Amino acid sequence: MIKCHLSTLMGAKKLKLIDVARDTGINRGTITRLYHETATRVDLEVIEALCRYLDCEVGELLELVE
């Protein structure tokens, strides 16, 4: 299972879903699904945009857990 730490990263920076969507150009629905960990697939462009926006590495955003 892959765990997404978007909610934690956003919370640390006190960001709202709409702020991230507006600033990155990523669809709000996509961000919501990642935030609530209900996404089943995501484009690499989205991961790249989020990592650049949040100033983090992919490993900080996504984690493989058993």
PDB file of N, CA and C in Angstrom:
ATOM      1  N   MET A   1       0.850  -1.175   0.000  1.00  0.00           N
ATOM      2  CA  MET A   1       0.000   0.000   0.000  1.00  0.00           C
ATOM      3  C   MET A   1       0.897   1.240   0.000  1.00  0.00           C
ATOM      4  N   ILE A   2       0.494   2.235  -0.737  1.00  0.00           N
ATOM      5  CA  ILE A   2       1.222   3.499  -0.769  1.00  0.00           C
ATOM      6  C   ILE A   2       0.461   4.523   0.055  1.00  0.00           C
ATOM      7  N   LYS A   3       1.149   5.110   1.018  1.00  0.00           N
ATOM      8  CA  LYS A   3       0.551   6.125   1.890  1.00  0.00           C
ATOM      9  C   LYS A   3       0.962   7.498   1.372  1.00  0.00           C
ATOM     10  N   CYS A   4       0.002   8.401   1.299  1.00  0.00           N
ATOM     11  CA  CYS A   4       0.256   9.762   0.846  1.00  0.00           C
ATOM     12  C   CYS A   4       0.245  10.691   2.063  1.00  0.00           C
ATOM     13  N   HIS A   5       1.303  11.466   2.203  1.00  0.00           N
ATOM     14  CA  HIS A   5       1.452  12.368   3.343  1.00  0.00           C
ATOM     15  C   HIS A   5       1.070  13.806   2.985  1.00  0.00           C
ATOM     16  N   LEU A   6       0.238  13.986   1.977  1.00  0.00           N
ATOM     17  CA  LEU A   6      -0.147  15.330   1.558  1.00  0.00           C
ATOM     18  C   LEU A   6      -0.828  16.088   2.691  1.00  0.00           C
ATOM     19  N   SER A   7      -1.725  15.447   3.405  1.00  0.00           N
ATOM     20  CA  SER A   7      -2.438  16.138   4.483  1.00  0.00           C
ATOM     21  C   SER A   7      -1.473  16.617   5.564  1.00  0.00           C
ATOM     22  N   THR A   8      -0.484  15.811   5.895  1.00  0.00           N
ATOM     23  CA  THR A   8       0.511  16.189   6.903  1.00  0.00           C
ATOM     24  C   THR A   8       1.353  17.365   6.428  1.00  0.00           C
ATOM     25  N   LEU A   9       1.816  17.290   5.182  1.00  0.00           N
ATOM     26  CA  LEU A   9       2.648  18.363   4.629  1.00  0.00           C
ATOM     27  C   LEU A   9       1.860  19.668   4.518  1.00  0.00           C
ATOM     28  N   MET A  10       0.613  19.560   4.085  1.00  0.00           N
ATOM     29  CA  MET A  10      -0.219  20.758   3.981  1.00  0.00           C
ATOM     30  C   MET A  10      -0.501  21.338   5.363  1.00  0.00           C
ATOM     31  N   GLY A  11      -0.754  20.484   6.330  1.00  0.00           N
ATOM     32  CA  GLY A  11      -1.021  20.944   7.688  1.00  0.00           C
ATOM     33  C   GLY A  11       0.164  21.677   8.284  1.00  0.00           C
ATOM     34  N   ALA A  12       1.364  21.176   8.023  1.00  0.00           N
ATOM     35  CA  ALA A  12       2.568  21.812   8.553  1.00  0.00           C
ATOM     36  C   ALA A  12       2.759  23.213   7.976  1.00  0.00           C
ATOM     37  N   LYS A  13       2.292  23.403   6.735  1.00  0.00           N
ATOM     38  CA  LYS A  13       2.438  24.707   6.084  1.00  0.00           C
ATOM     39  C   LYS A  13       1.144  25.528   6.156  1.00  0.00           C
ATOM     40  N   LYS A  14       0.138  24.970   6.840  1.00  0.00           N
ATOM     41  CA  LYS A  14      -1.165  25.630   7.013  1.00  0.00           C
ATOM     42  C   LYS A  14      -1.788  26.027   5.671  1.00  0.00           C
ATOM     43  N   LEU A  15      -1.810  25.060   4.750  1.00  0.00           N
ATOM     44  CA  LEU A  15      -2.378  25.277   3.423  1.00  0.00           C
ATOM     45  C   LEU A  15      -3.754  24.644   3.338  1.00  0.00           C
ATOM     46  N   LYS A  16      -4.614  25.237   2.547  1.00  0.00           N
ATOM     47  CA  LYS A  16      -5.940  24.684   2.274  1.00  0.00           C
ATOM     48  C   LYS A  16      -5.928  24.038   0.900  1.00  0.00           C
ATOM     49  N   LEU A  17      -6.863  23.103   0.693  1.00  0.00           N
ATOM     50  CA  LEU A  17      -6.958  22.414  -0.591  1.00  0.00           C
ATOM     51  C   LEU A  17      -7.084  23.407  -1.747  1.00  0.00           C
ATOM     52  N   ILE A  18      -7.921  24.404  -1.582  1.00  0.00           N
ATOM     53  CA  ILE A  18      -8.154  25.360  -2.659  1.00  0.00           C
ATOM     54  C   ILE A  18      -6.898  26.170  -2.961  1.00  0.00           C
ATOM     55  N   ASP A  19      -6.080  26.452  -1.936  1.00  0.00           N
ATOM     56  CA  ASP A  19      -4.824  27.180  -2.154  1.00  0.00           C
ATOM     57  C   ASP A  19      -3.874  26.360  -3.025  1.00  0.00           C
ATOM     58  N   VAL A  20      -3.735  25.085  -2.707  1.00  0.00           N
ATOM     59  CA  VAL A  20      -2.846  24.211  -3.459  1.00  0.00           C
ATOM     60  C   VAL A  20      -3.348  24.069  -4.894  1.00  0.00           C
ATOM     61  N   ALA A  21      -4.651  23.891  -5.059  1.00  0.00           N
ATOM     62  CA  ALA A  21      -5.222  23.757  -6.399  1.00  0.00           C
ATOM     63  C   ALA A  21      -4.976  25.025  -7.219  1.00  0.00           C
ATOM     64  N   ARG A  22      -5.222  26.169  -6.633  1.00  0.00           N
ATOM     65  CA  ARG A  22      -5.053  27.433  -7.348  1.00  0.00           C
ATOM     66  C   ARG A  22      -3.586  27.676  -7.701  1.00  0.00           C
ATOM     67  N   ASP A  23      -2.697  27.438  -6.764  1.00  0.00           N
ATOM     68  CA  ASP A  23      -1.284  27.744  -6.967  1.00  0.00           C
ATOM     69  C   ASP A  23      -0.568  26.764  -7.893  1.00  0.00           C
ATOM     70  N   THR A  24      -1.030  25.509  -7.935  1.00  0.00           N
ATOM     71  CA  THR A  24      -0.360  24.496  -8.758  1.00  0.00           C
ATOM     72  C   THR A  24      -1.059  24.239 -10.081  1.00  0.00           C
ATOM     73  N   GLY A  25      -2.338  24.579 -10.171  1.00  0.00           N
ATOM     74  CA  GLY A  25      -3.098  24.279 -11.384  1.00  0.00           C
ATOM     75  C   GLY A  25      -3.611  22.849 -11.425  1.00  0.00           C
ATOM     76  N   ILE A  26      -3.424  22.122 -10.333  1.00  0.00           N
ATOM     77  CA  ILE A  26      -3.912  20.743 -10.243  1.00  0.00           C
ATOM     78  C   ILE A  26      -5.399  20.784  -9.902  1.00  0.00           C
ATOM     79  N   ASN A  27      -6.162  19.902 -10.526  1.00  0.00           N
ATOM     80  CA  ASN A  27      -7.598  19.819 -10.278  1.00  0.00           C
ATOM     81  C   ASN A  27      -7.853  19.602  -8.788  1.00  0.00           C
ATOM     82  N   ARG A  28      -8.830  20.327  -8.255  1.00  0.00           N
ATOM     83  CA  ARG A  28      -9.132  20.226  -6.817  1.00  0.00           C
ATOM     84  C   ARG A  28      -9.544  18.810  -6.423  1.00  0.00           C
ATOM     85  N   GLY A  29     -10.273  18.127  -7.297  1.00  0.00           N
ATOM     86  CA  GLY A  29     -10.683  16.751  -7.024  1.00  0.00           C
ATOM     87  C   GLY A  29      -9.493  15.820  -6.857  1.00  0.00           C
ATOM     88  N   THR A  30      -8.478  16.016  -7.668  1.00  0.00           N
ATOM     89  CA  THR A  30      -7.260  15.206  -7.578  1.00  0.00           C
ATOM     90  C   THR A  30      -6.575  15.443  -6.244  1.00  0.00           C
ATOM     91  N   ILE A  31      -6.456  16.699  -5.850  1.00  0.00           N
ATOM     92  CA  ILE A  31      -5.823  17.020  -4.577  1.00  0.00           C
ATOM     93  C   ILE A  31      -6.631  16.463  -3.415  1.00  0.00           C
ATOM     94  N   THR A  32      -7.946  16.554  -3.502  1.00  0.00           N
ATOM     95  CA  THR A  32      -8.822  16.019  -2.455  1.00  0.00           C
ATOM     96  C   THR A  32      -8.635  14.512  -2.301  1.00  0.00           C
ATOM     97  N   ARG A  33      -8.571  13.797  -3.430  1.00  0.00           N
ATOM     98  CA  ARG A  33      -8.379  12.342  -3.365  1.00  0.00           C
ATOM     99  C   ARG A  33      -7.022  11.982  -2.766  1.00  0.00           C
ATOM    100  N   LEU A  34      -5.992  12.732  -3.096  1.00  0.00           N
ATOM    101  CA  LEU A  34      -4.676  12.483  -2.500  1.00  0.00           C
ATOM    102  C   LEU A  34      -4.683  12.826  -1.016  1.00  0.00           C
ATOM    103  N   TYR A  35      -5.315  13.917  -0.674  1.00  0.00           N
ATOM    104  CA  TYR A  35      -5.393  14.381   0.715  1.00  0.00           C
ATOM    105  C   TYR A  35      -6.069  13.330   1.594  1.00  0.00           C
ATOM    106  N   HIS A  36      -7.159  12.750   1.101  1.00  0.00           N
ATOM    107  CA  HIS A  36      -7.920  11.749   1.871  1.00  0.00           C
ATOM    108  C   HIS A  36      -7.465  10.319   1.594  1.00  0.00           C
ATOM    109  N   GLU A  37      -6.411  10.183   0.799  1.00  0.00           N
ATOM    110  CA  GLU A  37      -5.824   8.881   0.459  1.00  0.00           C
ATOM    111  C   GLU A  37      -6.828   7.932  -0.190  1.00  0.00           C
ATOM    112  N   THR A  38      -7.655   8.460  -1.074  1.00  0.00           N
ATOM    113  CA  THR A  38      -8.601   7.627  -1.812  1.00  0.00           C
ATOM    114  C   THR A  38      -8.228   7.521  -3.284  1.00  0.00           C
ATOM    115  N   ALA A  39      -7.140   8.174  -3.687  1.00  0.00           N
ATOM    116  CA  ALA A  39      -6.704   8.133  -5.089  1.00  0.00           C
ATOM    117  C   ALA A  39      -6.197   6.731  -5.418  1.00  0.00           C
ATOM    118  N   THR A  40      -6.550   6.251  -6.605  1.00  0.00           N
ATOM    119  CA  THR A  40      -6.077   4.939  -7.047  1.00  0.00           C
ATOM    120  C   THR A  40      -4.966   5.073  -8.073  1.00  0.00           C
ATOM    121  N   ARG A  41      -4.850   6.256  -8.670  1.00  0.00           N
ATOM    122  CA  ARG A  41      -3.766   6.518  -9.616  1.00  0.00           C
ATOM    123  C   ARG A  41      -3.533   8.019  -9.672  1.00  0.00           C
ATOM    124  N   VAL A  42      -2.315   8.379 -10.044  1.00  0.00           N
ATOM    125  CA  VAL A  42      -1.984   9.795 -10.118  1.00  0.00           C
ATOM    126  C   VAL A  42      -0.887   9.975 -11.171  1.00  0.00           C
ATOM    127  N   ASP A  43      -0.972  11.043 -11.933  1.00  0.00           N
ATOM    128  CA  ASP A  43       0.033  11.326 -12.956  1.00  0.00           C
ATOM    129  C   ASP A  43       1.328  11.795 -12.318  1.00  0.00           C
ATOM    130  N   LEU A  44       2.433  11.469 -12.959  1.00  0.00           N
ATOM    131  CA  LEU A  44       3.732  11.901 -12.460  1.00  0.00           C
ATOM    132  C   LEU A  44       3.855  13.416 -12.466  1.00  0.00           C
ATOM    133  N   GLU A  45       3.170  14.081 -13.387  1.00  0.00           N
ATOM    134  CA  GLU A  45       3.193  15.542 -13.427  1.00  0.00           C
ATOM    135  C   GLU A  45       2.581  16.134 -12.161  1.00  0.00           C
ATOM    136  N   VAL A  46       1.571  15.476 -11.623  1.00  0.00           N
ATOM    137  CA  VAL A  46       0.927  15.931 -10.392  1.00  0.00           C
ATOM    138  C   VAL A  46       1.888  15.774  -9.219  1.00  0.00           C
ATOM    139  N   ILE A  47       2.553  14.620  -9.153  1.00  0.00           N
ATOM    140  CA  ILE A  47       3.525  14.383  -8.080  1.00  0.00           C
ATOM    141  C   ILE A  47       4.643  15.419  -8.155  1.00  0.00           C
ATOM    142  N   GLU A  48       5.129  15.665  -9.364  1.00  0.00           N
ATOM    143  CA  GLU A  48       6.199  16.648  -9.539  1.00  0.00           C
ATOM    144  C   GLU A  48       5.747  18.038  -9.097  1.00  0.00           C
ATOM    145  N   ALA A  49       4.553  18.443  -9.518  1.00  0.00           N
ATOM    146  CA  ALA A  49       4.044  19.774  -9.161  1.00  0.00           C
ATOM    147  C   ALA A  49       3.875  19.914  -7.651  1.00  0.00           C
ATOM    148  N   LEU A  50       3.360  18.878  -7.001  1.00  0.00           N
ATOM    149  CA  LEU A  50       3.184  18.929  -5.550  1.00  0.00           C
ATOM    150  C   LEU A  50       4.530  18.987  -4.824  1.00  0.00           C
ATOM    151  N   CYS A  51       5.485  18.201  -5.278  1.00  0.00           N
ATOM    152  CA  CYS A  51       6.804  18.210  -4.638  1.00  0.00           C
ATOM    153  C   CYS A  51       7.477  19.575  -4.803  1.00  0.00           C
ATOM    154  N   ARG A  52       7.359  20.157  -5.966  1.00  0.00           N
ATOM    155  CA  ARG A  52       7.947  21.484  -6.178  1.00  0.00           C
ATOM    156  C   ARG A  52       7.235  22.525  -5.314  1.00  0.00           C
ATOM    157  N   TYR A  53       5.923  22.466  -5.272  1.00  0.00           N
ATOM    158  CA  TYR A  53       5.136  23.441  -4.511  1.00  0.00           C
ATOM    159  C   TYR A  53       5.404  23.325  -3.009  1.00  0.00           C
ATOM    160  N   LEU A  54       5.466  22.083  -2.508  1.00  0.00           N
ATOM    161  CA  LEU A  54       5.654  21.857  -1.079  1.00  0.00           C
ATOM    162  C   LEU A  54       7.130  21.805  -0.683  1.00  0.00           C
ATOM    163  N   ASP A  55       8.013  21.915  -1.681  1.00  0.00           N
ATOM    164  CA  ASP A  55       9.459  21.870  -1.451  1.00  0.00           C
ATOM    165  C   ASP A  55       9.838  20.602  -0.685  1.00  0.00           C
ATOM    166  N   CYS A  56       9.443  19.457  -1.253  1.00  0.00           N
ATOM    167  CA  CYS A  56       9.736  18.171  -0.628  1.00  0.00           C
ATOM    168  C   CYS A  56      10.172  17.172  -1.688  1.00  0.00           C
ATOM    169  N   GLU A  57      10.678  16.051  -1.246  1.00  0.00           N
ATOM    170  CA  GLU A  57      11.060  14.957  -2.120  1.00  0.00           C
ATOM    171  C   GLU A  57       9.872  14.005  -2.266  1.00  0.00           C
ATOM    172  N   VAL A  58       9.917  13.192  -3.312  1.00  0.00           N
ATOM    173  CA  VAL A  58       8.841  12.223  -3.545  1.00  0.00           C
ATOM    174  C   VAL A  58       8.668  11.315  -2.327  1.00  0.00           C
ATOM    175  N   GLY A  59       9.763  10.913  -1.726  1.00  0.00           N
ATOM    176  CA  GLY A  59       9.720  10.029  -0.555  1.00  0.00           C
ATOM    177  C   GLY A  59       9.073  10.657   0.673  1.00  0.00           C
ATOM    178  N   GLU A  60       9.039  11.968   0.713  1.00  0.00           N
ATOM    179  CA  GLU A  60       8.362  12.661   1.812  1.00  0.00           C
ATOM    180  C   GLU A  60       6.863  12.735   1.556  1.00  0.00           C
ATOM    181  N   LEU A  61       6.478  12.726   0.290  1.00  0.00           N
ATOM    182  CA  LEU A  61       5.070  12.821  -0.090  1.00  0.00           C
ATOM    183  C   LEU A  61       4.405  11.450  -0.108  1.00  0.00           C
ATOM    184  N   LEU A  62       5.117  10.456  -0.641  1.00  0.00           N
ATOM    185  CA  LEU A  62       4.588   9.090  -0.780  1.00  0.00           C
ATOM    186  C   LEU A  62       5.475   8.109  -0.046  1.00  0.00           C
ATOM    187  N   GLU A  63       4.854   7.106   0.568  1.00  0.00           N
ATOM    188  CA  GLU A  63       5.599   6.100   1.317  1.00  0.00           C
ATOM    189  C   GLU A  63       4.983   4.736   1.064  1.00  0.00           C
ATOM    190  N   LEU A  64       5.817   3.751   0.814  1.00  0.00           N
ATOM    191  CA  LEU A  64       5.364   2.374   0.647  1.00  0.00           C
ATOM    192  C   LEU A  64       5.326   1.706   2.016  1.00  0.00           C
ATOM    193  N   VAL A  65       4.134   1.259   2.423  1.00  0.00           N
ATOM    194  CA  VAL A  65       3.974   0.578   3.708  1.00  0.00           C
ATOM    195  C   VAL A  65       3.411  -0.811   3.480  1.00  0.00           C
ATOM    196  N   GLU A  66       3.823  -1.716   4.315  1.00  0.00           N
ATOM    197  CA  GLU A  66       3.360  -3.117   4.211  1.00  0.00           C
ATOM    198  C   GLU A  66       2.014  -3.286   4.855  1.00  0.00           C
TER     199      GLU A  66
END
